[in-house]
N, C-alpha and C. Protein backbone atom coordinates (compact mmCIF):
# COMPACT_ATOMS: atom_id res chain seq x y z
N MET A 1 -15.21 -73.50 -76.93
CA MET A 1 -15.17 -73.30 -78.36
C MET A 1 -13.72 -73.41 -78.82
N PRO A 2 -13.43 -74.28 -79.77
CA PRO A 2 -12.06 -74.47 -80.24
C PRO A 2 -11.53 -73.24 -80.96
N LEU A 3 -10.21 -73.12 -80.97
CA LEU A 3 -9.54 -72.02 -81.63
C LEU A 3 -8.82 -72.55 -82.86
N ASN A 4 -9.17 -72.02 -84.03
CA ASN A 4 -8.43 -72.32 -85.26
C ASN A 4 -7.32 -71.30 -85.37
N LEU A 5 -6.11 -71.76 -85.39
CA LEU A 5 -4.95 -70.88 -85.45
C LEU A 5 -4.21 -71.18 -86.75
N THR A 6 -4.19 -70.19 -87.64
CA THR A 6 -3.48 -70.35 -88.90
C THR A 6 -2.12 -69.69 -88.77
N LEU A 7 -1.09 -70.49 -88.98
CA LEU A 7 0.28 -70.02 -88.83
C LEU A 7 0.92 -69.81 -90.20
N LYS A 8 1.58 -68.69 -90.35
CA LYS A 8 2.33 -68.41 -91.58
C LYS A 8 3.59 -69.26 -91.57
N PRO A 9 4.24 -69.40 -92.70
CA PRO A 9 5.49 -70.15 -92.73
C PRO A 9 6.50 -69.60 -91.72
N ASN A 10 7.07 -70.49 -90.93
CA ASN A 10 8.10 -70.18 -89.92
C ASN A 10 7.61 -69.27 -88.79
N GLU A 11 6.31 -69.07 -88.66
CA GLU A 11 5.77 -68.25 -87.58
C GLU A 11 5.93 -68.98 -86.25
N VAL A 12 6.17 -68.18 -85.20
CA VAL A 12 6.35 -68.73 -83.86
C VAL A 12 5.13 -68.36 -83.02
N VAL A 13 4.65 -69.34 -82.25
CA VAL A 13 3.55 -69.14 -81.33
C VAL A 13 3.93 -69.79 -80.00
N LEU A 14 3.52 -69.17 -78.90
CA LEU A 14 3.74 -69.75 -77.58
C LEU A 14 2.42 -70.26 -77.06
N ILE A 15 2.40 -71.52 -76.66
CA ILE A 15 1.20 -72.14 -76.10
C ILE A 15 1.59 -72.71 -74.74
N ASN A 16 1.01 -72.14 -73.70
CA ASN A 16 1.31 -72.55 -72.32
C ASN A 16 2.82 -72.59 -72.06
N GLY A 17 3.52 -71.58 -72.58
CA GLY A 17 4.95 -71.47 -72.35
C GLY A 17 5.81 -72.29 -73.29
N CYS A 18 5.20 -73.10 -74.13
CA CYS A 18 5.94 -73.93 -75.08
C CYS A 18 6.07 -73.16 -76.40
N VAL A 19 7.30 -73.01 -76.88
CA VAL A 19 7.55 -72.31 -78.13
C VAL A 19 7.37 -73.28 -79.29
N ILE A 20 6.48 -72.91 -80.21
CA ILE A 20 6.19 -73.75 -81.36
C ILE A 20 6.49 -72.94 -82.62
N ARG A 21 7.32 -73.48 -83.50
CA ARG A 21 7.64 -72.83 -84.76
C ARG A 21 7.03 -73.65 -85.89
N ASN A 22 6.31 -72.95 -86.77
CA ASN A 22 5.70 -73.61 -87.91
C ASN A 22 6.77 -73.98 -88.93
N SER A 23 6.46 -74.94 -89.79
CA SER A 23 7.37 -75.33 -90.86
C SER A 23 7.34 -74.26 -91.95
N ASP A 24 7.85 -74.59 -93.11
CA ASP A 24 7.93 -73.61 -94.19
C ASP A 24 6.65 -73.49 -95.01
N ARG A 25 5.57 -74.10 -94.54
CA ARG A 25 4.26 -73.98 -95.20
C ARG A 25 3.23 -73.42 -94.24
N ARG A 26 2.25 -72.77 -94.79
CA ARG A 26 1.13 -72.27 -93.99
C ARG A 26 0.37 -73.47 -93.43
N GLN A 27 0.07 -73.42 -92.13
CA GLN A 27 -0.62 -74.53 -91.46
C GLN A 27 -1.74 -73.97 -90.58
N THR A 28 -2.75 -74.76 -90.38
CA THR A 28 -3.81 -74.44 -89.44
C THR A 28 -3.84 -75.53 -88.38
N ILE A 29 -3.86 -75.09 -87.13
CA ILE A 29 -4.00 -76.06 -86.04
C ILE A 29 -5.27 -75.71 -85.27
N LEU A 30 -5.87 -76.72 -84.72
CA LEU A 30 -7.09 -76.56 -83.95
C LEU A 30 -6.75 -76.82 -82.49
N ILE A 31 -6.98 -75.83 -81.66
CA ILE A 31 -6.72 -75.96 -80.22
C ILE A 31 -8.07 -76.14 -79.55
N GLU A 32 -8.27 -77.30 -78.93
CA GLU A 32 -9.59 -77.65 -78.41
C GLU A 32 -9.76 -77.41 -76.93
N SER A 33 -8.71 -77.02 -76.24
CA SER A 33 -8.85 -76.72 -74.81
C SER A 33 -8.31 -75.33 -74.52
N GLN A 34 -8.62 -74.83 -73.34
CA GLN A 34 -8.18 -73.50 -72.93
C GLN A 34 -6.67 -73.52 -72.71
N GLY A 35 -6.00 -72.49 -73.17
CA GLY A 35 -4.57 -72.39 -72.96
C GLY A 35 -4.12 -70.94 -73.11
N ASP A 36 -2.91 -70.67 -72.65
CA ASP A 36 -2.31 -69.35 -72.81
C ASP A 36 -1.57 -69.36 -74.14
N ILE A 37 -2.12 -68.62 -75.11
CA ILE A 37 -1.61 -68.65 -76.47
C ILE A 37 -1.31 -67.22 -76.92
N VAL A 38 -0.12 -67.04 -77.49
CA VAL A 38 0.25 -65.73 -78.03
C VAL A 38 1.24 -65.94 -79.17
N ARG A 39 1.06 -65.14 -80.21
CA ARG A 39 2.00 -65.18 -81.33
C ARG A 39 3.22 -64.34 -80.99
N GLN A 40 4.36 -64.75 -81.50
CA GLN A 40 5.59 -64.03 -81.22
C GLN A 40 5.50 -62.56 -81.65
N ARG A 41 4.82 -62.28 -82.75
CA ARG A 41 4.71 -60.91 -83.25
C ARG A 41 3.94 -59.99 -82.29
N ASP A 42 3.16 -60.57 -81.37
CA ASP A 42 2.41 -59.78 -80.40
C ASP A 42 3.20 -59.50 -79.12
N LEU A 43 4.43 -59.98 -79.05
CA LEU A 43 5.22 -59.82 -77.83
C LEU A 43 6.18 -58.64 -77.93
N LEU A 44 6.36 -57.96 -76.82
CA LEU A 44 7.36 -56.90 -76.70
C LEU A 44 8.53 -57.46 -75.93
N ASN A 45 9.73 -57.01 -76.25
CA ASN A 45 10.84 -57.34 -75.36
C ASN A 45 10.99 -56.21 -74.36
N ASP A 46 11.69 -56.45 -73.27
CA ASP A 46 11.72 -55.47 -72.18
C ASP A 46 12.33 -54.14 -72.60
N SER A 47 13.19 -54.11 -73.61
CA SER A 47 13.76 -52.84 -74.05
C SER A 47 12.75 -51.98 -74.80
N GLU A 48 11.68 -52.58 -75.31
CA GLU A 48 10.63 -51.83 -76.01
C GLU A 48 9.61 -51.22 -75.05
N ALA A 49 9.58 -51.65 -73.83
CA ALA A 49 8.58 -51.22 -72.86
C ALA A 49 9.00 -49.92 -72.19
N ARG A 50 9.18 -48.87 -72.99
CA ARG A 50 9.70 -47.60 -72.48
C ARG A 50 8.68 -46.47 -72.43
N THR A 51 7.44 -46.78 -72.75
CA THR A 51 6.38 -45.78 -72.65
C THR A 51 5.35 -46.31 -71.66
N PRO A 52 4.50 -45.43 -71.13
CA PRO A 52 3.51 -45.90 -70.15
C PRO A 52 2.61 -47.03 -70.66
N CYS A 53 2.11 -46.92 -71.88
CA CYS A 53 1.23 -47.97 -72.41
C CYS A 53 1.98 -49.26 -72.66
N LYS A 54 3.18 -49.14 -73.23
CA LYS A 54 3.96 -50.34 -73.50
C LYS A 54 4.41 -51.02 -72.22
N GLU A 55 4.63 -50.23 -71.17
CA GLU A 55 5.01 -50.82 -69.89
C GLU A 55 3.88 -51.69 -69.35
N VAL A 56 2.65 -51.16 -69.40
CA VAL A 56 1.50 -51.94 -68.93
C VAL A 56 1.31 -53.17 -69.81
N TYR A 57 1.44 -53.00 -71.12
CA TYR A 57 1.32 -54.11 -72.05
C TYR A 57 2.33 -55.20 -71.70
N PHE A 58 3.56 -54.80 -71.38
CA PHE A 58 4.61 -55.75 -71.03
C PHE A 58 4.26 -56.51 -69.74
N PHE A 59 3.70 -55.81 -68.75
CA PHE A 59 3.28 -56.48 -67.52
C PHE A 59 2.18 -57.50 -67.81
N ILE A 60 1.22 -57.13 -68.67
CA ILE A 60 0.14 -58.06 -69.03
C ILE A 60 0.72 -59.25 -69.77
N GLN A 61 1.62 -59.00 -70.68
CA GLN A 61 2.29 -60.07 -71.41
C GLN A 61 3.02 -61.01 -70.45
N THR A 62 3.68 -60.45 -69.46
CA THR A 62 4.39 -61.27 -68.48
C THR A 62 3.41 -62.14 -67.70
N ALA A 63 2.27 -61.57 -67.34
CA ALA A 63 1.24 -62.36 -66.64
C ALA A 63 0.73 -63.49 -67.52
N LEU A 64 0.60 -63.23 -68.81
CA LEU A 64 0.15 -64.27 -69.74
C LEU A 64 1.17 -65.40 -69.84
N LEU A 65 2.44 -65.04 -69.92
CA LEU A 65 3.49 -66.03 -70.17
C LEU A 65 3.94 -66.77 -68.92
N ASP A 66 3.78 -66.16 -67.75
CA ASP A 66 4.30 -66.78 -66.52
C ASP A 66 3.19 -66.85 -65.47
N SER A 67 2.56 -68.00 -65.39
CA SER A 67 1.43 -68.16 -64.46
C SER A 67 1.85 -68.04 -63.00
N HIS A 68 3.13 -68.18 -62.71
CA HIS A 68 3.61 -68.10 -61.32
C HIS A 68 3.60 -66.68 -60.77
N VAL A 69 3.60 -65.66 -61.64
CA VAL A 69 3.64 -64.27 -61.16
C VAL A 69 2.31 -63.54 -61.37
N ARG A 70 1.33 -64.20 -61.93
CA ARG A 70 0.05 -63.54 -62.24
C ARG A 70 -0.58 -62.88 -61.02
N GLU A 71 -0.68 -63.63 -59.95
CA GLU A 71 -1.35 -63.12 -58.75
C GLU A 71 -0.70 -61.83 -58.26
N LYS A 72 0.62 -61.74 -58.33
CA LYS A 72 1.33 -60.54 -57.91
C LYS A 72 1.18 -59.40 -58.91
N LEU A 73 1.09 -59.74 -60.19
CA LEU A 73 1.04 -58.71 -61.22
C LEU A 73 -0.33 -58.06 -61.41
N ILE A 74 -1.39 -58.78 -61.16
CA ILE A 74 -2.74 -58.25 -61.44
C ILE A 74 -2.98 -56.91 -60.73
N PRO A 75 -2.70 -56.76 -59.41
CA PRO A 75 -2.93 -55.44 -58.81
C PRO A 75 -2.01 -54.36 -59.38
N ILE A 76 -0.81 -54.72 -59.75
CA ILE A 76 0.12 -53.74 -60.35
C ILE A 76 -0.41 -53.29 -61.71
N ILE A 77 -0.88 -54.24 -62.50
CA ILE A 77 -1.44 -53.92 -63.82
C ILE A 77 -2.66 -53.02 -63.68
N GLN A 78 -3.57 -53.38 -62.77
CA GLN A 78 -4.79 -52.58 -62.58
C GLN A 78 -4.45 -51.15 -62.15
N LYS A 79 -3.46 -51.01 -61.26
CA LYS A 79 -3.04 -49.67 -60.81
C LYS A 79 -2.47 -48.87 -61.97
N LYS A 80 -1.62 -49.49 -62.77
CA LYS A 80 -1.00 -48.79 -63.90
C LYS A 80 -2.04 -48.44 -64.96
N LEU A 81 -3.01 -49.31 -65.18
CA LEU A 81 -4.09 -48.98 -66.12
C LEU A 81 -4.88 -47.78 -65.60
N GLY A 82 -5.16 -47.76 -64.31
CA GLY A 82 -5.88 -46.63 -63.71
C GLY A 82 -5.12 -45.32 -63.86
N GLN A 83 -3.80 -45.38 -63.81
CA GLN A 83 -2.98 -44.17 -63.96
C GLN A 83 -3.01 -43.64 -65.40
N LEU A 84 -3.34 -44.50 -66.35
CA LEU A 84 -3.41 -44.07 -67.75
C LEU A 84 -4.70 -43.31 -68.08
N VAL A 85 -5.77 -43.59 -67.35
CA VAL A 85 -7.09 -43.04 -67.69
C VAL A 85 -7.08 -41.51 -67.80
N PRO A 86 -6.54 -40.76 -66.83
CA PRO A 86 -6.60 -39.30 -66.97
C PRO A 86 -5.71 -38.74 -68.07
N ILE A 87 -4.83 -39.55 -68.62
CA ILE A 87 -3.91 -39.06 -69.65
C ILE A 87 -4.57 -39.03 -71.02
N PHE A 88 -5.47 -39.97 -71.29
CA PHE A 88 -6.06 -40.11 -72.61
C PHE A 88 -7.51 -39.66 -72.62
N HIS A 89 -7.96 -39.19 -73.79
CA HIS A 89 -9.35 -38.72 -73.91
C HIS A 89 -10.31 -39.91 -73.88
N ASP A 90 -11.59 -39.57 -73.81
CA ASP A 90 -12.63 -40.58 -73.59
C ASP A 90 -12.58 -41.74 -74.58
N GLU A 91 -12.40 -41.43 -75.86
CA GLU A 91 -12.40 -42.49 -76.87
C GLU A 91 -11.28 -43.50 -76.62
N MET A 92 -10.12 -43.02 -76.24
CA MET A 92 -8.98 -43.90 -75.99
C MET A 92 -9.08 -44.58 -74.62
N SER A 93 -9.69 -43.90 -73.65
CA SER A 93 -9.77 -44.50 -72.32
C SER A 93 -10.68 -45.73 -72.31
N GLN A 94 -11.57 -45.84 -73.30
CA GLN A 94 -12.42 -47.04 -73.38
C GLN A 94 -11.54 -48.29 -73.54
N HIS A 95 -10.42 -48.17 -74.24
CA HIS A 95 -9.52 -49.32 -74.41
C HIS A 95 -8.87 -49.70 -73.07
N ILE A 96 -8.62 -48.71 -72.25
CA ILE A 96 -8.03 -48.96 -70.93
C ILE A 96 -9.03 -49.72 -70.06
N PHE A 97 -10.28 -49.28 -70.05
CA PHE A 97 -11.31 -49.97 -69.26
C PHE A 97 -11.54 -51.39 -69.77
N GLU A 98 -11.50 -51.55 -71.08
CA GLU A 98 -11.67 -52.89 -71.65
C GLU A 98 -10.52 -53.80 -71.22
N ALA A 99 -9.30 -53.28 -71.28
CA ALA A 99 -8.13 -54.07 -70.85
C ALA A 99 -8.24 -54.43 -69.38
N ALA A 100 -8.66 -53.47 -68.55
CA ALA A 100 -8.79 -53.73 -67.11
C ALA A 100 -9.83 -54.83 -66.85
N SER A 101 -10.91 -54.81 -67.60
CA SER A 101 -11.93 -55.84 -67.44
C SER A 101 -11.37 -57.22 -67.80
N HIS A 102 -10.63 -57.28 -68.89
CA HIS A 102 -10.03 -58.56 -69.30
C HIS A 102 -9.01 -59.05 -68.27
N VAL A 103 -8.23 -58.13 -67.71
CA VAL A 103 -7.27 -58.52 -66.67
C VAL A 103 -8.01 -59.09 -65.46
N SER A 104 -9.12 -58.45 -65.09
CA SER A 104 -9.91 -58.94 -63.95
C SER A 104 -10.39 -60.37 -64.17
N HIS A 105 -10.66 -60.72 -65.43
CA HIS A 105 -11.11 -62.07 -65.77
C HIS A 105 -9.95 -62.97 -66.16
N GLU A 106 -8.74 -62.48 -65.97
CA GLU A 106 -7.51 -63.21 -66.30
C GLU A 106 -7.47 -63.66 -67.76
N ASP A 107 -8.01 -62.83 -68.62
CA ASP A 107 -7.94 -63.07 -70.07
C ASP A 107 -6.89 -62.09 -70.61
N PHE A 108 -5.64 -62.44 -70.42
CA PHE A 108 -4.54 -61.52 -70.67
C PHE A 108 -4.32 -61.24 -72.15
N TYR A 109 -4.56 -62.22 -73.00
CA TYR A 109 -4.39 -61.97 -74.43
C TYR A 109 -5.38 -60.90 -74.90
N LYS A 110 -6.63 -60.99 -74.48
CA LYS A 110 -7.62 -59.98 -74.87
C LYS A 110 -7.26 -58.61 -74.29
N ALA A 111 -6.66 -58.59 -73.10
CA ALA A 111 -6.22 -57.33 -72.51
C ALA A 111 -5.11 -56.71 -73.36
N MET A 112 -4.18 -57.54 -73.81
CA MET A 112 -3.12 -57.05 -74.69
C MET A 112 -3.71 -56.49 -75.98
N ARG A 113 -4.65 -57.23 -76.54
CA ARG A 113 -5.29 -56.80 -77.79
C ARG A 113 -6.03 -55.48 -77.60
N ALA A 114 -6.65 -55.30 -76.45
CA ALA A 114 -7.38 -54.06 -76.18
C ALA A 114 -6.45 -52.86 -76.10
N LEU A 115 -5.21 -53.08 -75.68
CA LEU A 115 -4.25 -51.97 -75.55
C LEU A 115 -3.56 -51.60 -76.86
N ARG A 116 -3.64 -52.44 -77.87
CA ARG A 116 -2.96 -52.15 -79.14
C ARG A 116 -3.34 -50.79 -79.74
N PRO A 117 -4.64 -50.43 -79.86
CA PRO A 117 -4.97 -49.11 -80.41
C PRO A 117 -4.42 -47.98 -79.55
N LEU A 118 -4.40 -48.18 -78.24
CA LEU A 118 -3.87 -47.16 -77.34
C LEU A 118 -2.36 -47.00 -77.55
N MET A 119 -1.65 -48.09 -77.75
CA MET A 119 -0.21 -48.02 -77.99
C MET A 119 0.07 -47.32 -79.33
N ASP A 120 -0.75 -47.59 -80.34
CA ASP A 120 -0.59 -46.90 -81.63
C ASP A 120 -0.81 -45.41 -81.46
N TYR A 121 -1.84 -45.03 -80.74
CA TYR A 121 -2.15 -43.62 -80.49
C TYR A 121 -1.02 -42.97 -79.70
N GLU A 122 -0.53 -43.65 -78.69
CA GLU A 122 0.57 -43.14 -77.89
C GLU A 122 1.81 -42.91 -78.78
N GLY A 123 2.07 -43.84 -79.68
CA GLY A 123 3.19 -43.70 -80.60
C GLY A 123 3.06 -42.47 -81.47
N LYS A 124 1.84 -42.20 -81.97
CA LYS A 124 1.60 -41.00 -82.78
C LYS A 124 1.83 -39.73 -81.96
N LEU A 125 1.41 -39.75 -80.69
CA LEU A 125 1.63 -38.59 -79.83
C LEU A 125 3.12 -38.33 -79.63
N PHE A 126 3.88 -39.39 -79.37
CA PHE A 126 5.32 -39.23 -79.19
C PHE A 126 5.98 -38.77 -80.48
N ASP A 127 5.52 -39.24 -81.64
CA ASP A 127 6.06 -38.79 -82.92
C ASP A 127 5.81 -37.30 -83.11
N MET A 128 4.59 -36.85 -82.80
CA MET A 128 4.27 -35.42 -82.91
C MET A 128 5.13 -34.60 -81.97
N LEU A 129 5.30 -35.06 -80.76
CA LEU A 129 6.12 -34.36 -79.78
C LEU A 129 7.57 -34.28 -80.26
N ASN A 130 8.10 -35.37 -80.77
CA ASN A 130 9.47 -35.38 -81.27
C ASN A 130 9.65 -34.46 -82.47
N SER A 131 8.67 -34.42 -83.38
CA SER A 131 8.78 -33.53 -84.53
C SER A 131 8.72 -32.07 -84.12
N ARG A 132 7.94 -31.75 -83.11
CA ARG A 132 7.91 -30.37 -82.59
C ARG A 132 9.23 -29.99 -81.98
N GLN A 133 9.85 -30.93 -81.27
CA GLN A 133 11.14 -30.65 -80.63
C GLN A 133 12.21 -30.41 -81.69
N VAL A 134 12.14 -31.15 -82.80
CA VAL A 134 13.11 -30.96 -83.89
C VAL A 134 12.93 -29.59 -84.51
N VAL A 135 11.68 -29.19 -84.75
CA VAL A 135 11.40 -27.88 -85.33
C VAL A 135 11.85 -26.77 -84.38
N THR A 136 11.58 -26.91 -83.09
CA THR A 136 11.97 -25.92 -82.10
C THR A 136 13.49 -25.81 -82.02
N ALA A 137 14.17 -26.91 -82.08
CA ALA A 137 15.63 -26.92 -82.00
C ALA A 137 16.24 -26.28 -83.24
N ALA A 138 15.58 -26.43 -84.40
CA ALA A 138 16.09 -25.87 -85.65
C ALA A 138 15.92 -24.37 -85.71
N GLU A 139 14.97 -23.84 -84.96
CA GLU A 139 14.70 -22.39 -85.02
C GLU A 139 15.70 -21.63 -84.28
């Protein structure tokens, strides 16, 4: 099934490791074969991968972008996903299991997408923790 990809002006997308930047107009491209595709906005840089969820996301992203390291990364990713399960409640752990399933099928983009809600939740938890520390320090 072909993929219709609508790019915003100047948006960057990576297709099979090739960096493609759109012109100054909105464009739609049709991708008719299987490929490793990710938008730049969905990528983390290594300095952002400082939380458990973001670290796993970064490993999955690396597997998506570099086919030469996939085989080595898959067991590491699965182990790290397994370590997240006891940390999050049932509703959030469903995203972990979904990501693990996608990794098993080497569908890394879908695995990244499955972790997005978990990363948002993790961010809220860290924000709450930081606000408590500020209140405690002020007392």
